[in-house]
N, C-alpha and C. Protein backbone atom coordinates (compact mmCIF):
# COMPACT_ATOMS: atom_id res chain seq x y z
N MET A 1 31.79 -69.34 -38.07
CA MET A 1 32.33 -68.22 -38.83
C MET A 1 33.80 -68.52 -39.16
N ASP A 2 34.16 -68.37 -40.43
CA ASP A 2 35.54 -68.61 -40.87
C ASP A 2 36.34 -67.32 -40.70
N VAL A 3 37.31 -67.35 -39.81
CA VAL A 3 38.12 -66.16 -39.56
C VAL A 3 39.36 -66.10 -40.42
N GLY A 4 39.68 -67.18 -41.11
CA GLY A 4 40.82 -67.18 -42.02
C GLY A 4 42.16 -67.47 -41.36
N VAL A 5 42.27 -67.21 -40.07
CA VAL A 5 43.52 -67.46 -39.34
C VAL A 5 43.17 -68.07 -38.00
N SER A 6 43.80 -69.18 -37.68
CA SER A 6 43.56 -69.79 -36.37
C SER A 6 44.32 -69.03 -35.30
N ARG A 7 43.96 -69.25 -34.06
CA ARG A 7 44.68 -68.60 -32.96
C ARG A 7 46.16 -68.99 -32.97
N GLU A 8 46.42 -70.25 -33.29
CA GLU A 8 47.80 -70.72 -33.33
C GLU A 8 48.58 -69.98 -34.42
N GLN A 9 47.97 -69.81 -35.60
CA GLN A 9 48.63 -69.08 -36.68
C GLN A 9 48.85 -67.63 -36.28
N PHE A 10 47.85 -67.06 -35.62
CA PHE A 10 47.97 -65.67 -35.18
C PHE A 10 49.11 -65.52 -34.17
N HIS A 11 49.21 -66.46 -33.25
CA HIS A 11 50.30 -66.43 -32.26
C HIS A 11 51.66 -66.51 -32.96
N ARG A 12 51.75 -67.36 -33.99
CA ARG A 12 53.01 -67.46 -34.73
C ARG A 12 53.34 -66.14 -35.43
N LEU A 13 52.31 -65.49 -36.00
CA LEU A 13 52.54 -64.20 -36.64
C LEU A 13 53.09 -63.18 -35.64
N ILE A 14 52.50 -63.15 -34.47
CA ILE A 14 52.96 -62.23 -33.42
C ILE A 14 54.39 -62.57 -33.02
N ASP A 15 54.67 -63.86 -32.85
CA ASP A 15 56.03 -64.28 -32.46
C ASP A 15 57.07 -63.88 -33.50
N ASP A 16 56.68 -63.82 -34.77
CA ASP A 16 57.62 -63.48 -35.84
C ASP A 16 57.80 -61.97 -36.06
N LEU A 17 56.98 -61.16 -35.40
CA LEU A 17 57.09 -59.71 -35.58
C LEU A 17 58.37 -59.18 -34.95
N PRO A 18 58.98 -58.19 -35.59
CA PRO A 18 60.11 -57.51 -34.94
C PRO A 18 59.63 -56.80 -33.66
N ALA A 19 60.45 -56.77 -32.66
CA ALA A 19 60.08 -56.20 -31.36
C ALA A 19 59.57 -54.76 -31.47
N GLU A 20 60.12 -53.98 -32.39
CA GLU A 20 59.72 -52.58 -32.50
C GLU A 20 58.29 -52.41 -33.03
N LYS A 21 57.73 -53.45 -33.63
CA LYS A 21 56.36 -53.38 -34.14
C LYS A 21 55.32 -53.82 -33.12
N LEU A 22 55.75 -54.45 -32.05
CA LEU A 22 54.82 -54.97 -31.05
C LEU A 22 53.94 -53.90 -30.41
N PRO A 23 54.46 -52.72 -30.05
CA PRO A 23 53.57 -51.71 -29.46
C PRO A 23 52.44 -51.30 -30.41
N SER A 24 52.72 -51.17 -31.68
CA SER A 24 51.68 -50.79 -32.64
C SER A 24 50.62 -51.87 -32.76
N VAL A 25 51.05 -53.11 -32.80
CA VAL A 25 50.11 -54.23 -32.90
C VAL A 25 49.27 -54.31 -31.62
N ALA A 26 49.90 -54.13 -30.48
CA ALA A 26 49.18 -54.17 -29.21
C ALA A 26 48.11 -53.08 -29.16
N LYS A 27 48.47 -51.89 -29.63
CA LYS A 27 47.50 -50.78 -29.65
C LYS A 27 46.32 -51.12 -30.55
N LEU A 28 46.59 -51.66 -31.72
CA LEU A 28 45.53 -52.04 -32.64
C LEU A 28 44.62 -53.10 -32.03
N ILE A 29 45.21 -54.09 -31.40
CA ILE A 29 44.41 -55.15 -30.78
C ILE A 29 43.54 -54.58 -29.66
N ARG A 30 44.12 -53.68 -28.86
CA ARG A 30 43.32 -53.06 -27.79
C ARG A 30 42.12 -52.31 -28.37
N ILE A 31 42.32 -51.62 -29.48
CA ILE A 31 41.22 -50.89 -30.13
C ILE A 31 40.15 -51.88 -30.60
N LEU A 32 40.60 -52.99 -31.19
CA LEU A 32 39.66 -53.97 -31.72
C LEU A 32 38.83 -54.65 -30.63
N VAL A 33 39.40 -54.84 -29.46
CA VAL A 33 38.68 -55.54 -28.40
C VAL A 33 38.04 -54.60 -27.39
N ASP A 34 38.21 -53.31 -27.57
CA ASP A 34 37.63 -52.33 -26.65
C ASP A 34 36.11 -52.44 -26.68
N GLU A 35 35.55 -52.69 -25.54
CA GLU A 35 34.10 -52.84 -25.46
C GLU A 35 33.46 -51.65 -24.75
N ASP A 36 34.12 -50.53 -24.79
CA ASP A 36 33.59 -49.33 -24.15
C ASP A 36 32.42 -48.80 -24.97
N ASP A 37 31.23 -49.06 -24.49
CA ASP A 37 30.06 -48.62 -25.23
C ASP A 37 29.34 -47.47 -24.54
N GLU A 38 30.08 -46.78 -23.66
CA GLU A 38 29.49 -45.64 -22.98
C GLU A 38 29.31 -44.50 -23.97
N PRO A 39 28.19 -43.82 -23.88
CA PRO A 39 28.01 -42.65 -24.76
C PRO A 39 29.02 -41.56 -24.40
N ILE A 40 29.37 -40.75 -25.38
CA ILE A 40 30.31 -39.68 -25.09
C ILE A 40 29.57 -38.55 -24.39
N SER A 41 30.30 -37.82 -23.59
CA SER A 41 29.70 -36.72 -22.83
C SER A 41 29.53 -35.51 -23.74
N ALA A 42 28.76 -34.56 -23.29
CA ALA A 42 28.56 -33.32 -24.04
C ALA A 42 29.89 -32.59 -24.22
N GLU A 43 30.74 -32.65 -23.19
CA GLU A 43 32.05 -32.00 -23.27
C GLU A 43 32.93 -32.69 -24.33
N GLU A 44 32.93 -34.03 -24.35
CA GLU A 44 33.71 -34.75 -25.35
C GLU A 44 33.21 -34.46 -26.76
N LEU A 45 31.90 -34.42 -26.93
CA LEU A 45 31.32 -34.11 -28.24
C LEU A 45 31.70 -32.70 -28.67
N SER A 46 31.63 -31.76 -27.76
CA SER A 46 32.00 -30.38 -28.06
C SER A 46 33.46 -30.29 -28.48
N GLN A 47 34.33 -30.98 -27.76
CA GLN A 47 35.75 -30.98 -28.09
C GLN A 47 35.99 -31.60 -29.46
N HIS A 48 35.33 -32.71 -29.74
CA HIS A 48 35.46 -33.38 -31.04
C HIS A 48 35.02 -32.44 -32.16
N LEU A 49 33.88 -31.78 -32.00
CA LEU A 49 33.38 -30.89 -33.04
C LEU A 49 34.31 -29.69 -33.24
N ARG A 50 34.87 -29.17 -32.14
CA ARG A 50 35.80 -28.04 -32.26
C ARG A 50 37.04 -28.45 -33.04
N ILE A 51 37.58 -29.63 -32.71
CA ILE A 51 38.78 -30.11 -33.40
C ILE A 51 38.47 -30.36 -34.87
N ARG A 52 37.31 -30.96 -35.14
CA ARG A 52 36.92 -31.22 -36.54
C ARG A 52 36.82 -29.91 -37.32
N ASP A 53 36.19 -28.89 -36.71
CA ASP A 53 36.06 -27.60 -37.38
C ASP A 53 37.42 -26.96 -37.63
N GLU A 54 38.32 -27.06 -36.67
CA GLU A 54 39.66 -26.51 -36.87
C GLU A 54 40.38 -27.22 -38.01
N MET A 55 40.22 -28.54 -38.08
CA MET A 55 40.85 -29.28 -39.17
C MET A 55 40.28 -28.86 -40.52
N LEU A 56 38.96 -28.67 -40.57
CA LEU A 56 38.33 -28.25 -41.82
C LEU A 56 38.82 -26.87 -42.27
N LEU A 57 39.21 -26.04 -41.30
CA LEU A 57 39.75 -24.71 -41.61
C LEU A 57 41.25 -24.73 -41.88
N GLY A 58 41.84 -25.92 -41.84
CA GLY A 58 43.27 -26.04 -42.11
C GLY A 58 44.15 -25.79 -40.91
N LYS A 59 43.57 -25.76 -39.73
CA LYS A 59 44.34 -25.51 -38.51
C LYS A 59 44.80 -26.82 -37.90
N TYR A 60 45.79 -27.42 -38.51
CA TYR A 60 46.35 -28.66 -37.99
C TYR A 60 47.80 -28.76 -38.40
N VAL A 61 48.51 -29.66 -37.77
CA VAL A 61 49.91 -29.91 -38.08
C VAL A 61 50.01 -31.36 -38.53
N THR A 62 50.66 -31.59 -39.66
CA THR A 62 50.80 -32.95 -40.16
C THR A 62 51.83 -33.71 -39.34
N ALA A 63 51.71 -35.04 -39.34
CA ALA A 63 52.68 -35.88 -38.64
C ALA A 63 54.07 -35.68 -39.24
N ASP A 64 54.15 -35.49 -40.56
CA ASP A 64 55.45 -35.26 -41.19
C ASP A 64 56.12 -34.03 -40.61
N LYS A 65 55.35 -32.97 -40.39
CA LYS A 65 55.92 -31.74 -39.82
C LYS A 65 56.37 -31.97 -38.38
N VAL A 66 55.58 -32.66 -37.60
CA VAL A 66 55.92 -32.93 -36.21
C VAL A 66 57.22 -33.72 -36.13
N PHE A 67 57.32 -34.79 -36.93
CA PHE A 67 58.49 -35.65 -36.84
C PHE A 67 59.71 -35.04 -37.52
N SER A 68 59.53 -34.10 -38.44
CA SER A 68 60.68 -33.47 -39.07
C SER A 68 61.35 -32.47 -38.15
N GLU A 69 60.64 -32.03 -37.13
CA GLU A 69 61.18 -31.05 -36.19
C GLU A 69 61.95 -31.69 -35.06
N ARG A 70 62.04 -32.99 -35.03
CA ARG A 70 62.77 -33.67 -33.95
C ARG A 70 64.23 -33.71 -34.22
C-alpha cells in the first residue's frame, strides 16, 4: 500500500512543526491509532442522543463565543 509519506518524511514533518502545534497533532494521532472497539453503553448512547437533540434545538454555545469571553 502506497502511503505517500515515509516514516522518515513524517518524522521530519513533526520535527519542523512549531511547538505550539504539537499537542493538536498528538491528539489527532491518538484518535487515528485508537483501537477502542468496545461498544458504547446505554448511558453513553443516551447522553449522545440528548446532546444531539439539544444541538438540533439550538441549545449550544459556539467555540467563538466561548473564546471571546476569555
